[in-house]
Amino acid sequence: MDLKSAAEGHERDGMVFKAVSLWKHVLKLEPNRTEIHERLASLYERMDLRPEAREHLESVAEHYVVLCDADALVRTLERIQVLESRNQAR
């Protein structure tokens, strides 16, 4: 079983901490994979670790700027805005 499959399995089984650990290893091997940044951001959101989620979402946003993908960029910036509004609500 490769790292991605193992990470997906842990994520599916609700083993969030193990999934994050494995996705971080995958990201070290493939640092430009936007979907991995998105997965980590989602997992960090589930864990209520907003600064970490924001960091990964910012990487995703930068990727969409380079690709000139306005729709995906707007969706990502909206996610960042939601994270910020939750931080301010505390």
C-alpha atoms as a PDB file:
ATOM      1  CA  MET A   1       0.000   0.000   0.000  1.00  0.00           C
ATOM      2  CA  ASP A   2       1.409   3.396  -0.932  1.00  0.00           C
ATOM      3  CA  LEU A   3       1.320   6.517   1.242  1.00  0.00           C
ATOM      4  CA  LYS A   4      -1.606   8.101  -0.617  1.00  0.00           C
ATOM      5  CA  SER A   5      -3.772   5.014  -0.283  1.00  0.00           C
ATOM      6  CA  ALA A   6      -2.917   4.698   3.386  1.00  0.00           C
ATOM      7  CA  ALA A   7      -3.696   8.385   3.977  1.00  0.00           C
ATOM      8  CA  GLU A   8      -7.022   8.056   2.162  1.00  0.00           C
ATOM      9  CA  GLY A   9      -7.873   4.981   4.217  1.00  0.00           C
ATOM     10  CA  HIS A  10      -7.107   6.700   7.519  1.00  0.00           C
ATOM     11  CA  GLU A  11      -9.086   9.741   6.417  1.00  0.00           C
ATOM     12  CA  ARG A  12     -12.038   7.568   5.421  1.00  0.00           C
ATOM     13  CA  ASP A  13     -11.879   5.716   8.750  1.00  0.00           C
ATOM     14  CA  GLY A  14     -11.866   8.970  10.726  1.00  0.00           C
ATOM     15  CA  MET A  15      -8.260   8.608  11.856  1.00  0.00           C
ATOM     16  CA  VAL A  16      -7.542  12.261  11.182  1.00  0.00           C
ATOM     17  CA  PHE A  17      -4.195  12.569  12.974  1.00  0.00           C
ATOM     18  CA  LYS A  18      -2.737   9.585  11.111  1.00  0.00           C
ATOM     19  CA  ALA A  19      -4.144  10.875   7.824  1.00  0.00           C
ATOM     20  CA  VAL A  20      -2.539  14.289   8.378  1.00  0.00           C
ATOM     21  CA  SER A  21       0.792  12.691   9.162  1.00  0.00           C
ATOM     22  CA  LEU A  22       0.731  10.616   5.992  1.00  0.00           C
ATOM     23  CA  TRP A  23      -0.471  13.491   3.780  1.00  0.00           C
ATOM     24  CA  LYS A  24       2.393  15.607   5.131  1.00  0.00           C
ATOM     25  CA  HIS A  25       4.829  12.889   4.049  1.00  0.00           C
ATOM     26  CA  VAL A  26       3.229  12.774   0.609  1.00  0.00           C
ATOM     27  CA  LEU A  27       3.502  16.563   0.383  1.00  0.00           C
ATOM     28  CA  LYS A  28       7.231  16.393   1.121  1.00  0.00           C
ATOM     29  CA  LEU A  29       7.607  14.060  -1.842  1.00  0.00           C
ATOM     30  CA  GLU A  30       5.264  16.061  -4.078  1.00  0.00           C
ATOM     31  CA  PRO A  31       5.265  19.660  -2.757  1.00  0.00           C
ATOM     32  CA  ASN A  32       3.388  21.175  -5.699  1.00  0.00           C
ATOM     33  CA  ARG A  33       0.320  18.936  -5.501  1.00  0.00           C
ATOM     34  CA  THR A  34      -2.577  21.323  -4.939  1.00  0.00           C
ATOM     35  CA  GLU A  35      -5.044  18.593  -4.057  1.00  0.00           C
ATOM     36  CA  ILE A  36      -2.845  17.479  -1.169  1.00  0.00           C
ATOM     37  CA  HIS A  37      -2.747  21.024   0.187  1.00  0.00           C
ATOM     38  CA  GLU A  38      -6.548  21.098  -0.116  1.00  0.00           C
ATOM     39  CA  ARG A  39      -6.916  17.784   1.722  1.00  0.00           C
ATOM     40  CA  LEU A  40      -4.627  18.937   4.518  1.00  0.00           C
ATOM     41  CA  ALA A  41      -6.539  22.213   4.787  1.00  0.00           C
ATOM     42  CA  SER A  42      -9.815  20.299   5.120  1.00  0.00           C
ATOM     43  CA  LEU A  43      -8.377  17.964   7.736  1.00  0.00           C
ATOM     44  CA  TYR A  44      -6.945  20.862   9.723  1.00  0.00           C
ATOM     45  CA  GLU A  45     -10.339  22.570   9.575  1.00  0.00           C
ATOM     46  CA  ARG A  46     -11.935  19.411  10.990  1.00  0.00           C
ATOM     47  CA  MET A  47      -9.347  19.488  13.777  1.00  0.00           C
ATOM     48  CA  ASP A  48     -10.095  23.200  14.381  1.00  0.00           C
ATOM     49  CA  LEU A  49      -6.489  24.108  13.506  1.00  0.00           C
ATOM     50  CA  ARG A  50      -7.324  27.187  11.474  1.00  0.00           C
ATOM     51  CA  PRO A  51      -3.821  28.693  11.085  1.00  0.00           C
ATOM     52  CA  GLU A  52      -2.587  25.436   9.588  1.00  0.00           C
ATOM     53  CA  ALA A  53      -5.637  25.210   7.329  1.00  0.00           C
ATOM     54  CA  ARG A  54      -5.085  28.788   6.181  1.00  0.00           C
ATOM     55  CA  GLU A  55      -1.434  28.086   5.359  1.00  0.00           C
ATOM     56  CA  HIS A  56      -2.411  25.278   3.014  1.00  0.00           C
ATOM     57  CA  LEU A  57      -5.269  27.251   1.487  1.00  0.00           C
ATOM     58  CA  GLU A  58      -2.875  30.103   0.746  1.00  0.00           C
ATOM     59  CA  SER A  59      -0.655  27.645  -1.144  1.00  0.00           C
ATOM     60  CA  VAL A  60      -3.696  26.510  -3.091  1.00  0.00           C
ATOM     61  CA  ALA A  61      -4.659  30.116  -3.877  1.00  0.00           C
ATOM     62  CA  GLU A  62      -1.140  30.843  -5.173  1.00  0.00           C
ATOM     63  CA  HIS A  63      -1.393  27.829  -7.451  1.00  0.00           C
ATOM     64  CA  TYR A  64      -4.693  29.041  -8.909  1.00  0.00           C
ATOM     65  CA  VAL A  65      -3.217  32.516  -9.500  1.00  0.00           C
ATOM     66  CA  VAL A  66      -0.428  30.944 -11.558  1.00  0.00           C
ATOM     67  CA  LEU A  67      -2.985  28.897 -13.498  1.00  0.00           C
ATOM     68  CA  CYS A  68      -5.251  31.956 -13.989  1.00  0.00           C
ATOM     69  CA  ASP A  69      -8.144  29.845 -12.663  1.00  0.00           C
ATOM     70  CA  ALA A  70     -10.378  32.618 -11.335  1.00  0.00           C
ATOM     71  CA  ASP A  71     -13.255  30.376 -10.247  1.00  0.00           C
ATOM     72  CA  ALA A  72     -11.051  28.068  -8.190  1.00  0.00           C
ATOM     73  CA  LEU A  73      -9.207  31.070  -6.754  1.00  0.00           C
ATOM     74  CA  VAL A  74     -12.458  32.690  -5.638  1.00  0.00           C
ATOM     75  CA  ARG A  75     -13.641  29.446  -3.991  1.00  0.00           C
ATOM     76  CA  THR A  76     -10.322  29.155  -2.152  1.00  0.00           C
ATOM     77  CA  LEU A  77     -10.349  32.788  -1.030  1.00  0.00           C
ATOM     78  CA  GLU A  78     -13.904  32.310   0.230  1.00  0.00           C
ATOM     79  CA  ARG A  79     -12.723  29.356   2.328  1.00  0.00           C
ATOM     80  CA  ILE A  80      -9.939  31.526   3.760  1.00  0.00           C
ATOM     81  CA  GLN A  81     -12.471  34.250   4.529  1.00  0.00           C
ATOM     82  CA  VAL A  82     -14.683  31.760   6.382  1.00  0.00           C
ATOM     83  CA  LEU A  83     -11.689  30.652   8.448  1.00  0.00           C
ATOM     84  CA  GLU A  84     -10.911  34.275   9.289  1.00  0.00           C
ATOM     85  CA  SER A  85     -14.491  35.001  10.300  1.00  0.00           C
ATOM     86  CA  ARG A  86     -14.437  31.976  12.620  1.00  0.00           C
ATOM     87  CA  ASN A  87     -11.203  33.242  14.196  1.00  0.00           C
ATOM     88  CA  GLN A  88     -12.769  36.650  14.821  1.00  0.00           C
ATOM     89  CA  ALA A  89     -15.895  35.072  16.327  1.00  0.00           C
ATOM     90  CA  ARG A  90     -13.832  33.560  19.123  1.00  0.00           C
END
